[in-house]
Protein backbone atom coordinates (compact mmCIF):
# COMPACT_ATOMS: atom_id res chain seq x y z
CA MET A 1 32.93 2.36 9.71
CA LEU A 2 33.29 0.99 6.30
CA ASP A 3 32.62 3.22 3.25
CA PRO A 4 29.63 2.04 1.11
CA TRP A 5 31.56 3.06 -2.01
CA THR A 6 34.42 0.73 -1.01
CA LEU A 7 31.88 -2.03 -0.58
CA GLN A 8 30.56 -1.34 -4.08
CA VAL A 9 34.10 -1.49 -5.51
CA MET A 10 34.60 -4.85 -3.65
CA VAL A 11 31.40 -6.31 -5.13
CA GLU A 12 32.30 -5.03 -8.70
CA VAL A 13 35.77 -6.64 -8.58
CA GLU A 14 34.28 -9.91 -7.42
CA GLU A 15 31.56 -9.96 -10.16
CA ARG A 16 33.90 -8.72 -13.04
CA GLY A 17 36.87 -10.95 -12.07
CA SER A 18 39.52 -8.28 -12.46
CA PHE A 19 40.64 -4.80 -11.07
CA SER A 20 40.71 -3.34 -14.67
CA ALA A 21 37.18 -4.52 -15.58
CA ALA A 22 35.80 -3.19 -12.29
CA ALA A 23 37.62 0.12 -12.93
CA GLU A 24 36.00 0.39 -16.35
CA ALA A 25 32.54 -0.37 -15.05
CA LEU A 26 32.93 2.19 -12.19
CA SER A 27 34.62 4.90 -14.36
CA MET A 28 37.75 4.63 -12.18
CA THR A 29 41.40 3.95 -12.93
CA GLN A 30 42.82 0.48 -12.15
CA PRO A 31 45.25 1.89 -9.53
CA ALA A 32 42.30 3.60 -7.74
CA VAL A 33 40.51 0.29 -7.59
CA SER A 34 43.69 -1.37 -6.24
CA ARG A 35 44.01 1.25 -3.55
CA GLN A 36 40.36 0.87 -2.45
CA ILE A 37 40.81 -2.90 -2.14
CA GLY A 38 44.14 -2.63 -0.52
CA GLY A 39 42.78 -0.27 2.05
CA LEU A 40 39.85 -2.60 2.76
CA GLU A 41 42.19 -5.54 3.23
CA ARG A 42 44.30 -3.53 5.80
CA ARG A 43 41.24 -2.43 7.52
CA LEU A 44 39.89 -5.93 7.88
CA GLY A 45 43.36 -7.59 8.30
CA VAL A 46 42.79 -10.38 5.83
CA PRO A 47 43.46 -10.77 2.10
CA LEU A 48 40.27 -10.50 0.12
CA PHE A 49 41.44 -11.56 -3.42
CA ARG A 50 43.98 -13.86 -4.86
CA ARG A 51 45.41 -13.56 -8.38
CA THR A 52 44.60 -16.30 -11.01
CA ALA A 53 45.54 -16.79 -14.59
CA ARG A 54 42.35 -15.12 -15.67
CA GLY A 55 42.37 -12.25 -13.15
CA VAL A 56 41.40 -12.30 -9.52
CA LYS A 57 39.22 -14.49 -7.37
CA ALA A 58 37.77 -13.80 -3.88
CA THR A 59 39.32 -15.65 -0.96
CA ALA A 60 37.15 -17.38 1.56
CA ALA A 61 37.21 -14.22 3.65
CA GLY A 62 36.46 -12.21 0.52
CA GLU A 63 33.41 -14.16 -0.33
CA ILE A 64 31.99 -13.42 3.19
CA VAL A 65 32.75 -9.76 2.67
CA VAL A 66 31.11 -9.67 -0.73
CA ASP A 67 27.94 -11.40 0.56
CA GLN A 68 27.75 -8.93 3.42
CA ALA A 69 28.52 -6.05 1.19
CA ARG A 70 25.74 -6.98 -1.20
CA ASP A 71 23.28 -7.07 1.69
CA VAL A 72 24.46 -3.71 3.05
CA LEU A 73 24.16 -2.03 -0.35
CA ALA A 74 20.69 -3.59 -0.91
CA ARG A 75 19.52 -2.22 2.37
CA LEU A 76 21.04 1.20 1.66
CA ARG A 77 19.11 1.21 -1.74
CA ALA A 78 15.91 0.16 0.00
CA LEU A 79 16.48 2.99 2.53
CA GLU A 80 16.92 5.57 -0.27
CA MET A 81 13.82 4.25 -2.09
CA ARG A 82 11.71 4.47 1.09
CA VAL A 83 12.80 7.88 2.07
CA GLY A 84 12.44 8.96 -1.62
CA ALA A 85 8.84 7.98 -1.43
CA PHE A 86 8.33 10.96 1.01
CA THR A 87 9.52 13.48 -1.66
CA SER A 88 8.54 11.82 -4.96
CA ALA A 89 5.38 10.25 -6.46
CA GLU A 90 7.50 8.08 -8.64
CA THR A 91 8.99 5.60 -6.09
CA GLY A 92 7.97 3.56 -3.14
CA HIS A 93 5.58 0.83 -2.11
CA LEU A 94 1.88 1.46 -1.36
CA ARG A 95 -0.35 -1.08 0.53
CA LEU A 96 -4.02 -0.79 -0.42
CA SER A 97 -7.02 -2.50 1.07
CA ALA A 98 -10.65 -2.79 -0.27
CA PHE A 99 -13.80 -4.79 0.17
CA SER A 100 -15.02 -7.53 -2.18
CA SER A 101 -17.33 -5.53 -4.52
CA ALA A 102 -14.76 -2.82 -4.89
CA ASN A 103 -12.31 -5.55 -6.19
CA THR A 104 -14.62 -6.59 -8.95
CA TRP A 105 -13.97 -3.59 -11.07
CA LEU A 106 -12.90 -0.38 -9.51
CA MET A 107 -9.63 -1.44 -7.81
CA PRO A 108 -8.41 -3.61 -10.80
CA GLU A 109 -8.98 -0.56 -13.07
CA VAL A 110 -7.29 1.89 -10.61
CA ILE A 111 -4.31 -0.38 -10.20
CA ARG A 112 -4.02 -0.84 -13.95
CA ARG A 113 -4.03 2.86 -14.76
CA PHE A 114 -1.80 3.80 -11.83
CA SER A 115 0.81 1.24 -12.57
CA ARG A 116 0.85 2.33 -16.19
CA SER A 117 1.50 5.97 -15.23
CA HIS A 118 3.71 5.34 -12.23
CA PRO A 119 5.75 2.21 -13.06
CA GLY A 120 8.29 3.01 -10.22
CA VAL A 121 5.67 2.62 -7.46
CA ARG A 122 4.89 -0.89 -6.32
CA LEU A 123 1.36 -1.62 -5.25
CA SER A 124 0.04 -4.32 -2.97
CA LEU A 125 -3.61 -5.21 -2.24
CA VAL A 126 -3.73 -6.52 1.36
CA ARG A 127 -6.37 -8.12 3.39
CA GLU A 128 -8.56 -5.74 5.38
CA ASP A 129 -7.17 -5.08 8.76
CA ALA A 130 -8.84 -6.80 11.71
CA ALA A 131 -8.68 -3.50 13.69
CA GLY A 132 -10.55 -1.67 11.03
CA PRO A 133 -9.43 0.63 8.16
CA MET A 134 -9.09 3.81 10.20
CA ALA A 135 -6.70 2.23 12.69
CA ALA A 136 -4.72 0.47 9.83
CA ILE A 137 -4.28 3.97 8.20
CA LYS A 138 -3.32 5.81 11.40
CA GLU A 139 -0.79 3.06 12.33
CA ALA A 140 0.69 2.89 8.79
CA ARG A 141 -0.13 -0.69 8.16
CA VAL A 142 -2.21 0.45 5.01
CA ASP A 143 -1.55 3.48 2.92
CA LEU A 144 -4.97 3.80 1.35
CA ALA A 145 -8.27 2.06 2.19
CA LEU A 146 -11.51 2.07 0.26
CA VAL A 147 -14.40 2.20 2.79
CA THR A 148 -18.16 2.80 2.79
CA ALA A 149 -20.27 5.08 4.99
CA TRP A 150 -21.37 1.87 6.78
CA SER A 151 -17.69 1.43 7.95
CA LEU A 152 -17.88 4.71 9.91
CA TYR A 153 -19.97 3.21 12.71
CA ALA A 154 -18.36 2.29 15.95
CA ASP A 155 -19.93 -1.14 15.74
CA PRO A 156 -20.73 -1.93 12.05
CA SER A 157 -22.59 -5.13 12.96
CA ALA A 158 -24.95 -3.21 15.29
CA ALA A 159 -25.55 -0.60 12.44
CA LYS A 160 -27.01 -3.39 10.35
CA HIS A 161 -29.87 -3.68 12.69
CA ASP A 162 -30.04 -0.12 14.02
CA PRO A 163 -29.59 2.76 11.48
CA SER A 164 -29.25 5.16 14.45
CA ALA A 165 -26.25 3.29 15.73
CA GLU A 166 -23.34 5.37 17.15
CA LEU A 167 -20.82 6.66 14.75
CA LEU A 168 -17.06 6.58 15.29
CA GLU A 169 -15.70 9.27 17.63
CA PRO A 170 -14.03 12.41 16.11
CA ALA A 171 -10.73 11.17 17.57
CA ASP A 172 -10.97 8.00 15.52
CA PHE A 173 -10.62 10.16 12.38
CA THR A 174 -7.75 12.29 13.67
CA GLY A 175 -5.04 12.39 11.02
CA VAL A 176 -7.16 10.47 8.49
CA ASP A 177 -8.59 12.07 5.33
CA LEU A 178 -11.83 10.79 3.78
CA LEU A 179 -12.20 11.52 0.03
CA PRO A 180 -15.80 11.05 -1.14
CA LEU A 181 -15.90 9.10 -4.37
CA LEU A 182 -19.42 8.11 -5.30
CA ASP A 183 -22.78 7.28 -3.88
CA GLU A 184 -23.71 3.67 -4.70
CA GLU A 185 -27.19 2.64 -5.52
CA PHE A 186 -28.63 -0.90 -4.90
CA GLN A 187 -30.56 -3.03 -7.29
CA VAL A 188 -31.93 -6.57 -6.77
CA ALA A 189 -30.28 -9.50 -8.52
CA LEU A 190 -32.72 -12.19 -9.74
CA PRO A 191 -32.25 -15.45 -11.72
CA ALA A 192 -32.66 -14.75 -15.45
CA ASP A 193 -35.84 -17.00 -15.41
CA HIS A 194 -37.31 -15.50 -12.34
CA ARG A 195 -41.07 -14.61 -12.54
CA LEU A 196 -40.19 -10.93 -12.04
CA ALA A 197 -37.18 -10.69 -14.26
CA GLY A 198 -39.13 -9.26 -17.18
CA LEU A 199 -40.18 -6.20 -15.19
CA ARG A 200 -38.26 -2.82 -15.54
CA ARG A 201 -38.60 -2.16 -11.76
CA VAL A 202 -39.41 -4.74 -9.03
CA SER A 203 -41.58 -3.98 -6.09
CA LEU A 204 -39.75 -5.11 -2.95
CA SER A 205 -43.14 -6.06 -1.35
CA ASP A 206 -43.36 -8.76 -4.06
CA LEU A 207 -40.07 -10.25 -2.82
CA CYS A 208 -41.23 -10.73 0.76
CA ASP A 209 -41.30 -14.64 0.51
CA GLU A 210 -38.04 -14.88 -1.45
CA VAL A 211 -34.86 -16.54 0.00
CA TRP A 212 -32.05 -13.90 0.45
CA ILE A 213 -28.21 -14.45 0.03
CA GLU A 214 -26.27 -12.52 2.59
CA GLY A 215 -22.53 -11.49 2.35
CA GLY A 216 -19.77 -10.29 4.48
CA TYR A 217 -19.69 -6.61 5.78
CA PRO A 218 -19.84 -4.17 3.98
CA ASP A 219 -20.95 -6.31 1.09
CA CYS A 220 -24.14 -7.39 2.82
CA LEU A 221 -27.94 -6.59 2.70
CA GLY A 222 -27.08 -3.36 4.63
CA PRO A 223 -29.32 -1.82 7.22
CA ILE A 224 -31.86 -4.71 7.77
CA PRO A 225 -34.59 -2.54 9.22
CA GLN A 226 -34.89 -0.40 6.10
CA LEU A 227 -35.00 -3.47 3.88
CA ALA A 228 -37.48 -5.17 6.16
CA GLU A 229 -39.84 -2.11 6.16
CA ALA A 230 -39.80 -2.22 2.22
CA LEU A 231 -40.39 -6.06 2.23
CA GLY A 232 -43.07 -5.93 4.86
CA ARG A 233 -41.18 -8.45 6.86
CA SER A 234 -37.55 -9.35 7.82
CA PRO A 235 -35.62 -10.82 4.97
CA ARG A 236 -35.47 -14.59 5.03
CA ILE A 237 -31.82 -15.23 4.63
CA GLY A 238 -31.01 -18.73 3.55
CA PHE A 239 -27.35 -18.55 2.40
CA PHE A 240 -24.25 -16.77 3.33
CA CYS A 241 -21.38 -16.29 0.97
CA GLU A 242 -18.42 -13.99 1.08
CA ASP A 243 -17.34 -14.24 -2.58
CA TRP A 244 -19.36 -12.24 -5.21
CA ASN A 245 -18.89 -14.89 -8.00
CA GLY A 246 -20.12 -17.51 -5.53
CA ARG A 247 -23.07 -15.40 -4.57
CA GLN A 248 -24.04 -14.68 -8.14
CA ALA A 249 -23.75 -18.43 -8.98
CA LEU A 250 -26.29 -19.08 -6.25
CA VAL A 251 -28.64 -16.55 -7.78
CA ALA A 252 -28.17 -17.85 -11.26
CA GLY A 253 -28.99 -21.36 -10.01
CA GLY A 254 -32.17 -20.20 -8.37
CA SER A 255 -31.11 -20.55 -4.77
CA GLY A 256 -31.98 -17.14 -3.73
CA ILE A 257 -31.76 -13.43 -4.53
CA MET A 258 -29.52 -10.64 -3.34
CA LEU A 259 -28.61 -6.87 -3.56
CA VAL A 260 -26.08 -5.58 -6.11
CA PRO A 261 -24.26 -2.27 -5.46
CA THR A 262 -23.11 0.11 -8.20
CA LEU A 263 -19.52 -1.29 -8.15
CA VAL A 264 -20.49 -4.78 -9.22
CA ARG A 265 -22.63 -3.84 -12.15
CA GLY A 266 -19.62 -4.47 -14.63
CA ALA A 267 -19.26 -7.99 -13.40
CA VAL A 268 -22.78 -9.48 -13.29
CA HIS A 269 -23.18 -13.28 -13.94
CA PRO A 270 -24.88 -14.02 -17.30
CA GLY A 271 -27.50 -15.99 -15.62
CA VAL A 272 -28.47 -13.10 -13.38
CA VAL A 273 -30.51 -9.88 -14.18
CA ARG A 274 -30.49 -6.78 -12.00
CA ARG A 275 -33.58 -4.57 -11.62
CA PRO A 276 -34.14 -1.25 -9.68
CA THR A 277 -36.46 -1.48 -6.78
CA ALA A 278 -39.58 0.23 -5.62
CA PRO A 279 -39.06 1.86 -3.23
CA SER A 280 -35.52 2.59 -3.94
CA LEU A 281 -33.07 1.38 -1.05
CA PRO A 282 -30.82 4.06 0.59
CA SER A 283 -27.55 4.67 -1.19
CA ARG A 284 -24.18 4.30 0.47
CA ARG A 285 -21.23 6.63 -0.09
CA LEU A 286 -17.83 5.32 -0.95
CA TYR A 287 -14.70 6.94 0.39
CA ALA A 288 -10.95 6.64 -0.08
CA ALA A 289 -9.24 6.90 3.35
CA SER A 290 -5.55 7.94 3.69
CA LEU A 291 -3.38 9.79 6.07
CA ALA A 292 -4.03 13.60 5.86
CA PRO A 293 -1.38 16.11 4.72
CA PRO A 294 1.50 16.56 5.46
CA PHE A 295 1.98 12.95 6.36
CA ARG A 296 0.43 11.68 3.23
CA LEU A 297 2.99 10.20 0.73
CA PRO A 298 3.15 11.99 -2.63
CA ALA A 299 2.48 8.66 -4.37
CA VAL A 300 -0.67 8.23 -2.46
CA THR A 301 -1.85 11.78 -3.63
CA ALA A 302 -1.19 10.73 -7.13
CA LEU A 303 -3.20 7.43 -6.50
CA LEU A 304 -6.08 9.45 -5.04
CA ASP A 305 -6.24 11.41 -8.23
CA VAL A 306 -6.50 8.25 -10.23
CA ILE A 307 -9.15 6.81 -7.95
CA ALA A 308 -11.27 10.03 -8.20
CA HIS A 309 -10.98 10.09 -11.95
CA VAL A 310 -12.04 6.43 -12.33
CA SER A 311 -14.83 6.96 -9.90
CA ARG A 312 -16.29 9.86 -11.83
CA GLU A 313 -16.44 7.74 -15.02
CA GLN A 314 -19.47 5.84 -16.03
CA ILE A 315 -19.65 2.71 -14.03
CA PRO A 316 -20.01 -0.34 -16.49
CA ALA A 317 -23.66 -0.97 -17.35
């Protein structure tokens, strides 16, 4: 098997154009570099460099060896970095997932602060896994996921219509740690010129005839029966929009009203006002899900500290 150090010497000679320049860069002597290249040529059975007026140049075979050597060395460095992520919070690549409202303020702020304090760790924000956040965490497709209490139901869509719906089985949480972050409250978002916009608190019964704007789970109207009880009838849903900015634009344009959770309060459209409701709607708990120790990466532990700290701060008004 070829020695990685010999491959590094080979690459250095090709890049520097001479044995002496490579020796200086590698803190070696020129004869030592010559011996390394000579041994590699004997091992492979082909000449790797030819002398020129300005130094040495790789032969056709040498160019192939250099290309392959670069690839091998890059893979070895990647291996060291990935294994190093299990022992250090300063290296590695973390994949995160979150839902739309969490991405309006919380996740951007967490990513900004963590990247500043841990510049050696690369972060990626990925699409939520079709199999669900718990499965994605357990199967190592995601390192950390922001989830709500609504995501802990076996069938989240059924939970919208039945608050007593079945929760996930304990086995679904095996190996997964849930860190509670905050309890989100809900307010109603109205057009700035709405007839009730001037009130400090809006009675939900006064909104029974309004058109509601629904969003994708978990950024939706939540448990429908609880909202329907407060309204005195089922909410009349006229629009569906996944994007928070699009939904707020619909509200600002007078197309309908919607619910706004705590996490979105720092990104409210200027044409929209938000008001507490009477009665208050049930809050929802926000969690950070990750692998439980000892399988959790040190960088994930450091990221959890940042998320917990940001979550404890005052949410933008």
